[in-house]
């Protein structure tokens, strides 16, 4: 097959692929409108609030290690673990600070959404 045939085949297949993307799949609309699906960050994980003590702040890695109390919303016991956070959230934190924070967790990957010193 030469390049002319490949280009011609591609020319005819692109519209078909585009149309297939817009077709319902087993009666389910592909745009998810009306399906009550969440598409924000919380849909990918569970939101929770906790209190704890800052153990280490790493601005270069945008992370903080926190020894937190039980998180009933997730069924977690007290533990020490790392959380991702923005540099702005971390700038004023120091080891030993008592904090209250909100986060979103997907498994053991957690991202701080709010953090306040107590």
C-alpha atoms as a PDB file:
ATOM      1  CA  UNK A   1       0.000   0.000   0.000  1.00  0.00           C
ATOM      2  CA  UNK A   2       1.454   3.344  -0.927  1.00  0.00           C
ATOM      3  CA  UNK A   3       1.198   6.680   0.829  1.00  0.00           C
ATOM      4  CA  UNK A   4      -1.609   7.823  -1.467  1.00  0.00           C
ATOM      5  CA  UNK A   5      -3.826   4.921  -0.348  1.00  0.00           C
ATOM      6  CA  UNK A   6      -3.024   5.511   3.323  1.00  0.00           C
ATOM      7  CA  UNK A   7      -3.913   9.206   3.057  1.00  0.00           C
ATOM      8  CA  UNK A   8      -7.131   8.418   1.227  1.00  0.00           C
ATOM      9  CA  UNK A   9      -8.146   5.796   3.828  1.00  0.00           C
ATOM     10  CA  UNK A  10      -7.394   8.223   6.671  1.00  0.00           C
ATOM     11  CA  UNK A  11      -9.472  10.905   4.980  1.00  0.00           C
ATOM     12  CA  UNK A  12     -12.516   8.611   4.990  1.00  0.00           C
ATOM     13  CA  UNK A  13     -11.987   7.109   8.476  1.00  0.00           C
ATOM     14  CA  UNK A  14     -11.643  10.329  10.485  1.00  0.00           C
ATOM     15  CA  UNK A  15     -15.310  11.383  10.087  1.00  0.00           C
ATOM     16  CA  UNK A  16     -16.442   7.846  10.992  1.00  0.00           C
ATOM     17  CA  UNK A  17     -14.327   7.846  14.163  1.00  0.00           C
ATOM     18  CA  UNK A  18     -15.664  11.255  15.143  1.00  0.00           C
ATOM     19  CA  UNK A  19     -19.269  10.144  14.634  1.00  0.00           C
ATOM     20  CA  UNK A  20     -18.686   6.944  16.631  1.00  0.00           C
ATOM     21  CA  UNK A  21     -17.458   9.018  19.572  1.00  0.00           C
ATOM     22  CA  UNK A  22     -20.812  10.821  19.736  1.00  0.00           C
ATOM     23  CA  UNK A  23     -23.005   7.705  19.541  1.00  0.00           C
ATOM     24  CA  UNK A  24     -24.654   6.293  22.679  1.00  0.00           C
ATOM     25  CA  UNK A  25     -23.145   3.128  24.075  1.00  0.00           C
ATOM     26  CA  UNK A  26     -25.816   0.602  24.977  1.00  0.00           C
ATOM     27  CA  UNK A  27     -28.314   3.421  25.307  1.00  0.00           C
ATOM     28  CA  UNK A  28     -26.064   5.502  27.601  1.00  0.00           C
ATOM     29  CA  UNK A  29     -25.303   9.033  26.371  1.00  0.00           C
ATOM     30  CA  UNK A  30     -21.586   9.713  26.091  1.00  0.00           C
ATOM     31  CA  UNK A  31     -21.862  13.281  27.426  1.00  0.00           C
ATOM     32  CA  UNK A  32     -23.054  12.038  30.862  1.00  0.00           C
ATOM     33  CA  UNK A  33     -25.693  14.769  31.056  1.00  0.00           C
ATOM     34  CA  UNK A  34     -28.537  13.757  33.310  1.00  0.00           C
ATOM     35  CA  UNK A  35     -26.603  10.825  34.780  1.00  0.00           C
ATOM     36  CA  UNK A  36     -25.802  12.613  38.058  1.00  0.00           C
ATOM     37  CA  UNK A  37     -22.084  11.815  37.637  1.00  0.00           C
ATOM     38  CA  UNK A  38     -19.625  14.019  39.487  1.00  0.00           C
ATOM     39  CA  UNK A  39     -16.632  15.104  37.450  1.00  0.00           C
ATOM     40  CA  UNK A  40     -14.727  17.180  39.987  1.00  0.00           C
ATOM     41  CA  UNK A  41     -11.765  16.175  42.163  1.00  0.00           C
ATOM     42  CA  UNK A  42     -14.012  14.804  44.903  1.00  0.00           C
ATOM     43  CA  UNK A  43     -15.547  12.323  42.489  1.00  0.00           C
ATOM     44  CA  UNK A  44     -12.142  10.702  42.234  1.00  0.00           C
ATOM     45  CA  UNK A  45     -11.803  10.408  46.004  1.00  0.00           C
ATOM     46  CA  UNK A  46     -13.466  10.935  49.351  1.00  0.00           C
ATOM     47  CA  UNK A  47     -13.404  14.252  51.217  1.00  0.00           C
ATOM     48  CA  UNK A  48     -12.684  14.344  54.944  1.00  0.00           C
ATOM     49  CA  UNK A  49     -11.588  16.621  57.787  1.00  0.00           C
ATOM     50  CA  UNK A  50      -8.961  15.818  60.412  1.00  0.00           C
ATOM     51  CA  UNK A  51      -6.772  17.349  63.083  1.00  0.00           C
ATOM     52  CA  UNK A  52      -3.122  16.616  63.621  1.00  0.00           C
ATOM     53  CA  UNK A  53       0.450  17.697  64.195  1.00  0.00           C
ATOM     54  CA  UNK A  54       2.839  18.712  61.415  1.00  0.00           C
ATOM     55  CA  UNK A  55       5.866  16.402  61.433  1.00  0.00           C
ATOM     56  CA  UNK A  56       7.680  17.644  58.317  1.00  0.00           C
ATOM     57  CA  UNK A  57       7.130  20.199  55.542  1.00  0.00           C
ATOM     58  CA  UNK A  58       8.751  19.731  52.129  1.00  0.00           C
ATOM     59  CA  UNK A  59       8.188  22.778  49.915  1.00  0.00           C
ATOM     60  CA  UNK A  60      10.237  21.306  47.036  1.00  0.00           C
ATOM     61  CA  UNK A  61       7.949  18.256  46.820  1.00  0.00           C
ATOM     62  CA  UNK A  62       4.764  20.153  47.797  1.00  0.00           C
ATOM     63  CA  UNK A  63       4.097  17.725  50.619  1.00  0.00           C
ATOM     64  CA  UNK A  64       3.573  17.645  54.360  1.00  0.00           C
ATOM     65  CA  UNK A  65       3.785  14.755  56.802  1.00  0.00           C
ATOM     66  CA  UNK A  66       1.047  14.891  59.418  1.00  0.00           C
ATOM     67  CA  UNK A  67       0.388  12.755  62.484  1.00  0.00           C
ATOM     68  CA  UNK A  68      -3.412  12.872  62.463  1.00  0.00           C
ATOM     69  CA  UNK A  69      -6.143  11.538  64.686  1.00  0.00           C
ATOM     70  CA  UNK A  70      -8.835   9.098  63.562  1.00  0.00           C
ATOM     71  CA  UNK A  71     -10.725  10.037  60.409  1.00  0.00           C
ATOM     72  CA  UNK A  72     -14.181   8.592  60.988  1.00  0.00           C
ATOM     73  CA  UNK A  73     -15.478   9.585  57.533  1.00  0.00           C
ATOM     74  CA  UNK A  74     -12.943   7.199  55.959  1.00  0.00           C
ATOM     75  CA  UNK A  75     -12.706   4.630  58.735  1.00  0.00           C
ATOM     76  CA  UNK A  76      -9.017   5.479  59.271  1.00  0.00           C
ATOM     77  CA  UNK A  77      -7.280   5.080  62.635  1.00  0.00           C
ATOM     78  CA  UNK A  78      -4.745   7.613  63.917  1.00  0.00           C
ATOM     79  CA  UNK A  79      -1.586   7.491  61.805  1.00  0.00           C
ATOM     80  CA  UNK A  80       1.288   9.505  60.391  1.00  0.00           C
ATOM     81  CA  UNK A  81       1.244   9.970  56.641  1.00  0.00           C
ATOM     82  CA  UNK A  82       2.179  12.284  53.799  1.00  0.00           C
ATOM     83  CA  UNK A  83      -0.231  14.629  52.044  1.00  0.00           C
ATOM     84  CA  UNK A  84       0.195  16.643  48.857  1.00  0.00           C
ATOM     85  CA  UNK A  85      -0.406  20.379  49.280  1.00  0.00           C
ATOM     86  CA  UNK A  86       0.221  23.614  47.425  1.00  0.00           C
ATOM     87  CA  UNK A  87       3.251  25.735  48.304  1.00  0.00           C
ATOM     88  CA  UNK A  88       0.869  28.483  49.499  1.00  0.00           C
ATOM     89  CA  UNK A  89      -0.722  26.040  51.963  1.00  0.00           C
ATOM     90  CA  UNK A  90       2.706  25.000  53.267  1.00  0.00           C
ATOM     91  CA  UNK A  91       4.542  28.333  53.555  1.00  0.00           C
ATOM     92  CA  UNK A  92       3.456  29.181  57.105  1.00  0.00           C
ATOM     93  CA  UNK A  93       3.598  25.626  58.485  1.00  0.00           C
ATOM     94  CA  UNK A  94       6.361  24.428  60.785  1.00  0.00           C
ATOM     95  CA  UNK A  95       7.154  21.161  62.489  1.00  0.00           C
ATOM     96  CA  UNK A  96       5.045  20.858  65.645  1.00  0.00           C
ATOM     97  CA  UNK A  97       2.145  23.051  64.454  1.00  0.00           C
ATOM     98  CA  UNK A  98      -1.291  21.823  65.531  1.00  0.00           C
ATOM     99  CA  UNK A  99      -3.620  21.926  62.527  1.00  0.00           C
ATOM    100  CA  UNK A 100      -7.110  21.195  61.276  1.00  0.00           C
ATOM    101  CA  UNK A 101      -7.324  20.311  57.608  1.00  0.00           C
ATOM    102  CA  UNK A 102      -9.630  19.109  54.858  1.00  0.00           C
ATOM    103  CA  UNK A 103      -8.392  16.687  52.249  1.00  0.00           C
ATOM    104  CA  UNK A 104      -9.488  14.457  49.419  1.00  0.00           C
ATOM    105  CA  UNK A 105      -8.285  10.874  49.516  1.00  0.00           C
ATOM    106  CA  UNK A 106      -8.174   8.202  46.847  1.00  0.00           C
ATOM    107  CA  UNK A 107      -6.840   5.190  48.669  1.00  0.00           C
ATOM    108  CA  UNK A 108      -3.758   6.350  50.520  1.00  0.00           C
ATOM    109  CA  UNK A 109      -3.116   9.248  48.105  1.00  0.00           C
ATOM    110  CA  UNK A 110      -4.354  12.361  49.866  1.00  0.00           C
ATOM    111  CA  UNK A 111      -4.409  16.014  48.779  1.00  0.00           C
ATOM    112  CA  UNK A 112      -4.961  18.865  51.237  1.00  0.00           C
ATOM    113  CA  UNK A 113      -7.760  21.223  50.187  1.00  0.00           C
ATOM    114  CA  UNK A 114      -7.703  23.460  53.323  1.00  0.00           C
ATOM    115  CA  UNK A 115      -5.313  23.737  56.228  1.00  0.00           C
ATOM    116  CA  UNK A 116      -5.525  25.994  59.317  1.00  0.00           C
ATOM    117  CA  UNK A 117      -3.307  26.279  62.375  1.00  0.00           C
ATOM    118  CA  UNK A 118      -5.148  25.809  65.669  1.00  0.00           C
END
